[in-house]
Protein backbone atom coordinates (compact mmCIF):
# COMPACT_ATOMS: atom_id res chain seq x y z
CA UNK A 1 17.36 22.11 -13.48
CA UNK A 2 15.51 21.44 -16.72
CA UNK A 3 16.16 18.32 -18.76
CA UNK A 4 14.71 20.33 -21.61
CA UNK A 5 13.37 19.31 -24.99
CA UNK A 6 14.60 17.81 -28.24
CA UNK A 7 13.30 16.38 -31.50
CA UNK A 8 12.74 12.75 -32.42
CA UNK A 9 14.57 12.62 -35.75
CA UNK A 10 12.73 13.22 -38.99
CA UNK A 11 11.64 16.53 -40.49
CA UNK A 12 9.65 17.37 -43.64
CA UNK A 13 11.32 18.57 -46.85
CA UNK A 14 14.60 17.72 -48.50
CA UNK A 15 16.96 20.60 -47.75
CA UNK A 16 19.74 19.51 -45.35
CA UNK A 17 20.80 23.06 -44.42
CA UNK A 18 17.24 24.20 -43.73
CA UNK A 19 16.68 21.10 -41.53
CA UNK A 20 19.94 21.60 -39.60
CA UNK A 21 19.04 25.25 -39.05
CA UNK A 22 15.61 24.25 -37.68
CA UNK A 23 16.94 21.46 -35.43
CA UNK A 24 19.69 23.63 -33.93
CA UNK A 25 17.60 26.81 -33.79
CA UNK A 26 14.60 25.19 -32.08
CA UNK A 27 16.63 23.24 -29.54
CA UNK A 28 19.57 25.42 -28.60
CA UNK A 29 20.40 23.22 -25.58
CA UNK A 30 19.73 19.80 -27.12
CA UNK A 31 19.91 19.83 -30.95
CA UNK A 32 19.80 16.66 -33.05
CA UNK A 33 20.89 15.43 -36.47
CA UNK A 34 17.75 15.62 -38.66
CA UNK A 35 16.60 12.91 -41.08
CA UNK A 36 14.77 13.85 -44.29
CA UNK A 37 12.91 10.77 -45.62
CA UNK A 38 11.09 12.83 -48.30
CA UNK A 39 14.29 12.67 -50.38
CA UNK A 40 13.52 9.03 -51.13
CA UNK A 41 15.02 5.57 -50.50
CA UNK A 42 18.27 5.87 -48.56
CA UNK A 43 16.99 8.91 -46.66
CA UNK A 44 14.29 6.82 -44.96
CA UNK A 45 15.20 5.58 -41.50
CA UNK A 46 15.86 1.97 -42.59
CA UNK A 47 17.94 2.98 -45.63
CA UNK A 48 19.94 5.49 -43.63
CA UNK A 49 20.91 2.82 -41.08
CA UNK A 50 21.74 0.31 -43.82
CA UNK A 51 24.17 2.97 -45.06
CA UNK A 52 25.91 2.78 -41.67
CA UNK A 53 26.47 -1.01 -41.78
CA UNK A 54 30.03 -2.33 -42.12
CA UNK A 55 30.63 -5.09 -44.73
CA UNK A 56 26.88 -5.47 -45.25
CA UNK A 57 24.83 -3.74 -47.93
CA UNK A 58 21.27 -3.28 -49.06
CA UNK A 59 19.27 -2.31 -52.14
CA UNK A 60 15.65 -1.35 -52.71
CA UNK A 61 13.13 -3.88 -54.04
CA UNK A 62 9.41 -3.13 -54.54
CA UNK A 63 8.81 -4.85 -51.17
CA UNK A 64 11.44 -2.79 -49.31
CA UNK A 65 15.14 -3.07 -48.47
CA UNK A 66 16.92 -6.32 -49.28
CA UNK A 67 20.43 -7.51 -48.46
CA UNK A 68 23.03 -7.16 -51.27
CA UNK A 69 26.44 -8.74 -51.82
CA UNK A 70 28.11 -5.46 -52.67
CA UNK A 71 27.42 -1.74 -52.24
CA UNK A 72 25.15 -0.47 -55.00
CA UNK A 73 23.52 2.81 -55.90
CA UNK A 74 21.04 2.73 -52.98
CA UNK A 75 23.71 2.18 -50.29
CA UNK A 76 25.91 4.88 -51.85
CA UNK A 77 23.00 7.32 -51.92
CA UNK A 78 22.23 6.65 -48.23
CA UNK A 79 25.85 7.35 -47.30
CA UNK A 80 26.03 10.48 -49.40
CA UNK A 81 22.87 11.96 -47.84
CA UNK A 82 24.12 11.21 -44.34
CA UNK A 83 27.36 13.03 -45.24
CA UNK A 84 25.37 16.01 -46.52
CA UNK A 85 23.32 16.10 -43.29
CA UNK A 86 26.45 15.93 -41.14
CA UNK A 87 28.09 18.75 -43.14
CA UNK A 88 25.00 20.92 -42.59
CA UNK A 89 24.84 20.12 -38.87
CA UNK A 90 28.54 20.87 -38.49
CA UNK A 91 28.00 24.27 -40.11
CA UNK A 92 25.25 25.21 -37.61
CA UNK A 93 27.02 23.87 -34.50
CA UNK A 94 30.32 25.76 -34.73
CA UNK A 95 31.60 26.18 -31.17
CA UNK A 96 28.60 24.31 -29.72
CA UNK A 97 29.06 22.56 -26.37
CA UNK A 98 26.35 20.41 -24.82
CA UNK A 99 24.13 17.46 -25.63
CA UNK A 100 23.64 16.54 -29.27
CA UNK A 101 21.50 13.62 -30.42
CA UNK A 102 22.01 11.31 -33.39
CA UNK A 103 19.56 8.57 -34.40
CA UNK A 104 19.87 5.15 -36.03
CA UNK A 105 17.55 2.17 -36.31
CA UNK A 106 18.15 -0.49 -33.65
CA UNK A 107 19.11 -4.09 -34.48
CA UNK A 108 15.64 -5.65 -34.05
CA UNK A 109 13.63 -3.18 -36.11
CA UNK A 110 16.36 -3.45 -38.77
CA UNK A 111 16.15 -7.27 -38.68
CA UNK A 112 12.36 -7.05 -39.09
CA UNK A 113 12.65 -4.66 -42.05
CA UNK A 114 15.65 -5.95 -43.99
CA UNK A 115 15.00 -8.89 -46.32
CA UNK A 116 17.28 -11.85 -47.01
CA UNK A 117 17.90 -12.83 -50.65
CA UNK A 118 14.74 -14.97 -50.67
CA UNK A 119 12.50 -12.14 -49.54
CA UNK A 120 11.89 -13.21 -45.93
CA UNK A 121 12.96 -10.87 -43.11
CA UNK A 122 16.39 -11.35 -41.53
CA UNK A 123 14.43 -11.79 -38.31
CA UNK A 124 13.74 -15.44 -39.11
CA UNK A 125 17.47 -16.33 -39.16
CA UNK A 126 19.20 -16.11 -35.76
CA UNK A 127 22.69 -16.17 -37.32
CA UNK A 128 21.79 -13.36 -39.75
CA UNK A 129 20.44 -11.30 -36.83
CA UNK A 130 23.75 -11.72 -34.98
CA UNK A 131 25.76 -10.67 -38.04
CA UNK A 132 23.48 -7.68 -38.60
CA UNK A 133 23.82 -6.50 -34.99
CA UNK A 134 27.63 -6.86 -35.18
CA UNK A 135 27.78 -4.90 -38.44
CA UNK A 136 25.50 -2.17 -37.03
CA UNK A 137 27.58 -1.88 -33.84
CA UNK A 138 30.75 -1.43 -35.90
CA UNK A 139 29.07 1.16 -38.14
CA UNK A 140 27.71 3.09 -35.16
CA UNK A 141 31.17 3.18 -33.59
CA UNK A 142 32.56 4.83 -36.76
CA UNK A 143 29.59 7.19 -37.08
CA UNK A 144 29.86 8.39 -33.46
CA UNK A 145 33.60 8.96 -33.86
CA UNK A 146 32.90 11.04 -37.00
CA UNK A 147 30.27 13.15 -35.17
CA UNK A 148 32.66 13.77 -32.25
CA UNK A 149 35.42 14.81 -34.64
CA UNK A 150 33.13 17.24 -36.48
CA UNK A 151 31.54 18.73 -33.33
CA UNK A 152 34.21 18.30 -30.63
CA UNK A 153 32.25 20.16 -27.93
CA UNK A 154 29.24 17.85 -28.26
CA UNK A 155 28.21 15.42 -25.58
CA UNK A 156 26.76 12.89 -28.05
CA UNK A 157 23.52 11.09 -27.20
CA UNK A 158 22.77 7.98 -29.28
CA UNK A 159 19.11 7.24 -30.02
CA UNK A 160 18.19 3.83 -31.42
CA UNK A 161 14.79 3.64 -33.09
CA UNK A 162 13.04 0.38 -32.25
CA UNK A 163 9.37 0.75 -33.26
CA UNK A 164 9.17 -2.99 -34.12
CA UNK A 165 10.69 -4.19 -30.83
CA UNK A 166 7.39 -5.08 -29.15
CA UNK A 167 6.22 -6.94 -32.29
CA UNK A 168 9.53 -8.89 -32.35
CA UNK A 169 9.09 -9.88 -28.68
CA UNK A 170 5.45 -10.89 -29.11
CA UNK A 171 5.78 -12.70 -32.45
CA UNK A 172 3.69 -10.14 -34.37
CA UNK A 173 6.04 -9.34 -37.28
CA UNK A 174 4.38 -10.50 -40.53
CA UNK A 175 6.18 -12.74 -43.01
CA UNK A 176 6.69 -11.78 -46.67
CA UNK A 177 3.40 -13.42 -47.71
CA UNK A 178 1.60 -11.66 -44.87
CA UNK A 179 -0.21 -14.92 -44.01
CA UNK A 180 1.91 -15.81 -41.03
CA UNK A 181 4.10 -14.13 -38.44
CA UNK A 182 7.69 -14.88 -37.44
CA UNK A 183 8.26 -16.66 -34.16
CA UNK A 184 8.75 -14.43 -31.14
CA UNK A 185 12.45 -13.92 -30.35
CA UNK A 186 13.51 -15.01 -26.86
CA UNK A 187 13.65 -12.04 -24.47
CA UNK A 188 17.16 -12.94 -23.25
CA UNK A 189 18.43 -12.88 -26.86
CA UNK A 190 16.73 -9.55 -27.55
CA UNK A 191 18.14 -8.03 -24.37
CA UNK A 192 21.66 -9.40 -24.94
CA UNK A 193 21.80 -8.09 -28.51
CA UNK A 194 20.65 -4.64 -27.41
CA UNK A 195 23.21 -4.63 -24.60
CA UNK A 196 26.00 -5.40 -27.11
CA UNK A 197 24.90 -2.62 -29.46
CA UNK A 198 24.47 -0.07 -26.62
CA UNK A 199 28.03 -0.88 -25.52
CA UNK A 200 29.53 0.92 -28.55
CA UNK A 201 28.73 4.26 -26.89
CA UNK A 202 29.95 5.29 -23.47
CA UNK A 203 27.52 8.23 -23.28
CA UNK A 204 23.73 8.36 -23.08
CA UNK A 205 21.86 5.72 -25.12
CA UNK A 206 18.12 6.15 -25.53
CA UNK A 207 15.67 3.87 -27.31
CA UNK A 208 12.74 5.37 -29.21
CA UNK A 209 9.50 3.58 -30.04
CA UNK A 210 6.23 5.22 -30.98
CA UNK A 211 4.45 1.83 -30.84
CA UNK A 212 2.25 0.76 -27.91
CA UNK A 213 3.54 -1.50 -25.09
CA UNK A 214 7.14 -0.26 -24.94
CA UNK A 215 9.16 -2.80 -22.87
CA UNK A 216 10.56 -0.32 -20.32
CA UNK A 217 11.96 -2.99 -17.98
CA UNK A 218 13.80 -4.89 -20.70
CA UNK A 219 15.35 -1.69 -22.13
CA UNK A 220 16.51 -0.61 -18.69
CA UNK A 221 18.10 -4.01 -18.01
CA UNK A 222 19.84 -3.87 -21.39
CA UNK A 223 21.46 -0.60 -20.34
CA UNK A 224 19.39 2.15 -22.02
CA UNK A 225 19.79 5.39 -20.09
CA UNK A 226 16.55 6.78 -21.53
CA UNK A 227 13.36 5.68 -23.28
CA UNK A 228 11.58 7.84 -25.87
CA UNK A 229 7.90 7.06 -26.49
CA UNK A 230 4.51 8.38 -27.60
CA UNK A 231 2.98 9.49 -24.31
CA UNK A 232 -0.61 9.16 -25.63
CA UNK A 233 -0.16 5.37 -26.00
CA UNK A 234 0.72 4.76 -22.33
CA UNK A 235 -1.76 2.81 -20.22
CA UNK A 236 -1.83 2.41 -16.45
CA UNK A 237 -0.51 -1.14 -17.01
CA UNK A 238 2.90 0.44 -17.64
CA UNK A 239 2.88 2.44 -14.38
CA UNK A 240 5.01 0.02 -12.36
CA UNK A 241 7.63 -0.38 -15.08
CA UNK A 242 7.84 3.40 -15.54
CA UNK A 243 8.05 4.02 -11.80
CA UNK A 244 10.89 1.53 -11.49
CA UNK A 245 12.67 3.02 -14.52
CA UNK A 246 12.50 6.56 -13.13
CA UNK A 247 13.64 5.47 -9.68
CA UNK A 248 16.53 3.63 -11.32
CA UNK A 249 17.64 6.86 -13.04
CA UNK A 250 16.19 6.24 -16.53
CA UNK A 251 15.26 9.43 -18.38
CA UNK A 252 11.84 9.59 -20.02
CA UNK A 253 11.70 11.28 -23.42
CA UNK A 254 7.97 11.97 -23.33
CA UNK A 255 6.39 12.45 -26.76
CA UNK A 256 3.56 14.79 -25.79
CA UNK A 257 3.29 17.06 -28.86
CA UNK A 258 1.48 15.50 -31.87
CA UNK A 259 3.76 14.69 -34.81
CA UNK A 260 1.28 15.75 -37.52
CA UNK A 261 -0.53 19.03 -38.17
CA UNK A 262 -3.23 19.98 -35.73
CA UNK A 263 -4.05 22.60 -33.12
CA UNK A 264 -1.47 22.87 -30.32
CA UNK A 265 -2.78 23.26 -26.77
CA UNK A 266 -1.14 25.65 -24.33
CA UNK A 267 2.35 24.40 -23.30
CA UNK A 268 1.21 23.63 -19.74
CA UNK A 269 -1.68 21.55 -21.10
CA UNK A 270 0.71 19.48 -23.20
CA UNK A 271 2.56 18.24 -20.10
CA UNK A 272 -0.47 17.88 -17.83
CA UNK A 273 -0.48 14.11 -18.43
CA UNK A 274 3.15 13.91 -17.28
CA UNK A 275 2.32 15.73 -14.04
CA UNK A 276 -0.66 13.37 -13.49
CA UNK A 277 1.57 10.33 -14.09
CA UNK A 278 4.03 11.64 -11.47
CA UNK A 279 1.23 12.04 -8.93
CA UNK A 280 -0.14 8.57 -9.70
CA UNK A 281 3.31 7.03 -9.20
CA UNK A 282 3.85 8.98 -5.99
CA UNK A 283 7.10 10.46 -7.32
CA UNK A 284 8.47 13.76 -5.99
CA UNK A 285 7.43 16.66 -8.30
CA UNK A 286 10.93 18.11 -7.90
CA UNK A 287 12.38 15.19 -9.88
CA UNK A 288 10.17 15.86 -12.92
CA UNK A 289 12.42 18.28 -14.76
CA UNK A 290 15.51 16.10 -14.18
CA UNK A 291 13.78 12.93 -15.39
CA UNK A 292 11.72 14.15 -18.34
CA UNK A 293 12.73 15.48 -21.75
CA UNK A 294 9.82 16.80 -23.84
CA UNK A 295 9.62 15.73 -27.51
CA UNK A 296 7.11 15.37 -30.32
CA UNK A 297 5.24 12.03 -30.16
CA UNK A 298 7.12 10.72 -33.21
CA UNK A 299 9.18 12.01 -36.13
CA UNK A 300 7.83 15.08 -37.95
CA UNK A 301 8.31 13.86 -41.54
CA UNK A 302 4.54 13.79 -42.09
CA UNK A 303 4.01 17.35 -40.89
CA UNK A 304 4.05 20.61 -42.85
CA UNK A 305 7.29 22.60 -42.45
CA UNK A 306 5.42 25.36 -40.58
CA UNK A 307 3.84 22.88 -38.15
CA UNK A 308 7.17 21.08 -37.63
CA UNK A 309 8.78 24.36 -36.56
CA UNK A 310 5.80 25.26 -34.34
CA UNK A 311 5.75 21.81 -32.71
CA UNK A 312 9.46 22.00 -31.85
CA UNK A 313 9.10 25.48 -30.35
CA UNK A 314 6.10 24.18 -28.42
CA UNK A 315 8.21 21.33 -26.94
CA UNK A 316 10.68 23.87 -25.56
CA UNK A 317 7.89 25.94 -23.97
CA UNK A 318 6.22 22.81 -22.53
CA UNK A 319 9.54 21.70 -20.99
CA UNK A 320 9.91 25.14 -19.41
CA UNK A 321 6.39 24.91 -17.99
CA UNK A 322 7.24 21.51 -16.48
CA UNK A 323 10.40 22.88 -14.86
CA UNK A 324 8.68 26.02 -13.55
CA UNK A 325 5.48 24.35 -12.26
CA UNK A 326 6.14 20.66 -11.56
CA UNK A 327 3.10 20.36 -9.24
């Protein structure tokens, strides 16, 4: 049985129908809702997730997204683009049954990116972080219900993007001035907030981070059913945490195909590192295909359209190679 391949989220260009066609055509067994940040603010991953918030709004300042008291042009634009993307996906998934992935930014990366009125990140205010997570959870609940209504045969997989999570845990997020960093957030608080947000979905919830030092153990304890990461950033220090995750049933979304233009190796070569990891951990090769989903290392927004298509097709072939020759 092959766990297959899927995309991470973003694609180049600005045409929703073209993107939906690529995401569903490349990954017939595990399509996803594409994001097109090239369209501008509101189509970027932070703006798109701000558009999902309930009773909380944002607008664009030169420094980034800042909290607003009422919905303005930027929030409306984010919502309108998401609607356009969902319409396009719905068109290309008529009669589809199977796994379908949607992405949103997780509560901690959002708290690190979204500014309070004074310009500091929400991250520095524990109460604001709680409100933000509650608003996001409510928005995700509505969004998932909308996706299920549009594509009734879909088994929806929720991906939360948390590239800033490690920085939040280690106190590495820079303040507005850039001269200092915000205090590290207590691990229990981080884990509890994630658990609450994951609880809005009773299906698969995966967390994506293409930053180094992904906290596999914490994500597993919080209830993530899968972790999506840039495979090239793994070090042997993470071996134990990954071994425990896999043995506990966590799926690994291994980002083994580069997210920006470059030569692609043969599909078997792309997953050689995954096979080596399995041997190092002493895991049974037969479990590889069930535990691993092959993806690009990160979103493909920075790639050329031709490379983005080639990289996605390459993921599918690499996943097949893993299933056929796990040893």
